[in-house]
């Protein structure tokens, strides 16, 4: 995770809504940020099913805030 992105994550309040975390360029859908452990470098997120997702911050390269919408049907 870049220094600027790390500052963003460190500044997130508990239960802050996050839609997607990009992990090595791949999207990981989450619903909210739970906590960041600065000693281990692990970030904890809650997904839509209520399960905790633990990610290594060294591999996070982006965040998307809000809920992602699917393509509109015609």
C-alpha atoms as a PDB file:
ATOM      1  CA  UNK A   1       0.000   0.000   0.000  1.00  0.00           C
ATOM      2  CA  UNK A   2       1.348   3.413  -0.883  1.00  0.00           C
ATOM      3  CA  UNK A   3       2.071   5.903   1.862  1.00  0.00           C
ATOM      4  CA  UNK A   4      -0.861   8.112   0.864  1.00  0.00           C
ATOM      5  CA  UNK A   5      -3.296   5.196   0.701  1.00  0.00           C
ATOM      6  CA  UNK A   6      -2.087   3.997   4.097  1.00  0.00           C
ATOM      7  CA  UNK A   7      -2.912   7.443   5.520  1.00  0.00           C
ATOM      8  CA  UNK A   8      -6.425   7.159   4.083  1.00  0.00           C
ATOM      9  CA  UNK A   9      -6.983   3.731   5.670  1.00  0.00           C
ATOM     10  CA  UNK A  10      -5.499   4.839   8.997  1.00  0.00           C
ATOM     11  CA  UNK A  11      -7.941   7.761   9.022  1.00  0.00           C
ATOM     12  CA  UNK A  12     -11.060   5.691   8.401  1.00  0.00           C
ATOM     13  CA  UNK A  13     -13.429   5.510  11.362  1.00  0.00           C
ATOM     14  CA  UNK A  14     -14.699   2.133  12.579  1.00  0.00           C
ATOM     15  CA  UNK A  15     -17.665   0.841  10.529  1.00  0.00           C
ATOM     16  CA  UNK A  16     -16.943   3.236   7.645  1.00  0.00           C
ATOM     17  CA  UNK A  17     -18.660   2.068   4.423  1.00  0.00           C
ATOM     18  CA  UNK A  18     -16.261   0.723   1.790  1.00  0.00           C
ATOM     19  CA  UNK A  19     -17.473  -1.033  -1.368  1.00  0.00           C
ATOM     20  CA  UNK A  20     -14.372  -2.659  -2.847  1.00  0.00           C
ATOM     21  CA  UNK A  21     -10.761  -3.173  -1.812  1.00  0.00           C
ATOM     22  CA  UNK A  22      -8.331  -3.779  -4.675  1.00  0.00           C
ATOM     23  CA  UNK A  23      -5.832  -6.436  -3.653  1.00  0.00           C
ATOM     24  CA  UNK A  24      -2.979  -6.753  -6.156  1.00  0.00           C
ATOM     25  CA  UNK A  25      -5.373  -5.292  -8.739  1.00  0.00           C
ATOM     26  CA  UNK A  26      -8.205  -7.735  -8.054  1.00  0.00           C
ATOM     27  CA  UNK A  27     -11.483  -6.481  -6.537  1.00  0.00           C
ATOM     28  CA  UNK A  28     -12.537  -7.823  -3.150  1.00  0.00           C
ATOM     29  CA  UNK A  29     -16.102  -6.786  -2.278  1.00  0.00           C
ATOM     30  CA  UNK A  30     -16.561  -5.573   1.286  1.00  0.00           C
ATOM     31  CA  UNK A  31     -19.199  -3.498   3.025  1.00  0.00           C
ATOM     32  CA  UNK A  32     -17.329  -1.662   5.764  1.00  0.00           C
ATOM     33  CA  UNK A  33     -13.962  -1.045   7.353  1.00  0.00           C
ATOM     34  CA  UNK A  34     -13.559  -2.472  10.857  1.00  0.00           C
ATOM     35  CA  UNK A  35      -9.990  -1.889  12.015  1.00  0.00           C
ATOM     36  CA  UNK A  36      -6.332  -1.577  11.054  1.00  0.00           C
ATOM     37  CA  UNK A  37      -3.638  -3.231  13.154  1.00  0.00           C
ATOM     38  CA  UNK A  38      -0.500  -1.124  12.574  1.00  0.00           C
ATOM     39  CA  UNK A  39       1.725  -3.707  14.263  1.00  0.00           C
ATOM     40  CA  UNK A  40       0.779  -6.577  11.925  1.00  0.00           C
ATOM     41  CA  UNK A  41      -0.215  -4.532   8.865  1.00  0.00           C
ATOM     42  CA  UNK A  42      -3.569  -6.312   8.690  1.00  0.00           C
ATOM     43  CA  UNK A  43      -6.783  -4.489   7.796  1.00  0.00           C
ATOM     44  CA  UNK A  44     -10.154  -5.915   8.823  1.00  0.00           C
ATOM     45  CA  UNK A  45     -13.281  -5.428   6.735  1.00  0.00           C
ATOM     46  CA  UNK A  46     -16.829  -6.753   6.981  1.00  0.00           C
ATOM     47  CA  UNK A  47     -18.422  -8.215   3.847  1.00  0.00           C
ATOM     48  CA  UNK A  48     -22.110  -8.164   2.863  1.00  0.00           C
ATOM     49  CA  UNK A  49     -22.695 -11.575   4.471  1.00  0.00           C
ATOM     50  CA  UNK A  50     -21.400 -10.311   7.824  1.00  0.00           C
ATOM     51  CA  UNK A  51     -18.125 -12.206   7.615  1.00  0.00           C
ATOM     52  CA  UNK A  52     -14.812 -10.614   8.517  1.00  0.00           C
ATOM     53  CA  UNK A  53     -12.269 -10.286   5.714  1.00  0.00           C
ATOM     54  CA  UNK A  54      -8.644  -9.805   6.792  1.00  0.00           C
ATOM     55  CA  UNK A  55      -6.265  -8.299   4.224  1.00  0.00           C
ATOM     56  CA  UNK A  56      -2.542  -7.588   4.224  1.00  0.00           C
ATOM     57  CA  UNK A  57      -2.190  -3.827   3.756  1.00  0.00           C
ATOM     58  CA  UNK A  58       1.050  -4.325   1.808  1.00  0.00           C
ATOM     59  CA  UNK A  59      -1.051  -5.847  -0.993  1.00  0.00           C
ATOM     60  CA  UNK A  60      -3.868  -3.272  -1.039  1.00  0.00           C
ATOM     61  CA  UNK A  61      -3.532  -0.953  -4.018  1.00  0.00           C
ATOM     62  CA  UNK A  62      -6.905   0.776  -4.045  1.00  0.00           C
ATOM     63  CA  UNK A  63     -10.254   1.383  -2.371  1.00  0.00           C
ATOM     64  CA  UNK A  64     -13.706   2.125  -3.743  1.00  0.00           C
ATOM     65  CA  UNK A  65     -16.182   3.858  -1.469  1.00  0.00           C
ATOM     66  CA  UNK A  66     -19.908   3.312  -1.771  1.00  0.00           C
ATOM     67  CA  UNK A  67     -21.868   0.444  -3.263  1.00  0.00           C
ATOM     68  CA  UNK A  68     -20.944  -0.631  -6.775  1.00  0.00           C
ATOM     69  CA  UNK A  69     -23.891  -0.773  -9.148  1.00  0.00           C
ATOM     70  CA  UNK A  70     -24.291  -3.373 -11.852  1.00  0.00           C
ATOM     71  CA  UNK A  71     -24.845  -2.428 -15.495  1.00  0.00           C
ATOM     72  CA  UNK A  72     -28.260  -1.059 -16.364  1.00  0.00           C
ATOM     73  CA  UNK A  73     -30.582  -3.401 -18.196  1.00  0.00           C
ATOM     74  CA  UNK A  74     -32.426  -2.176 -21.271  1.00  0.00           C
END
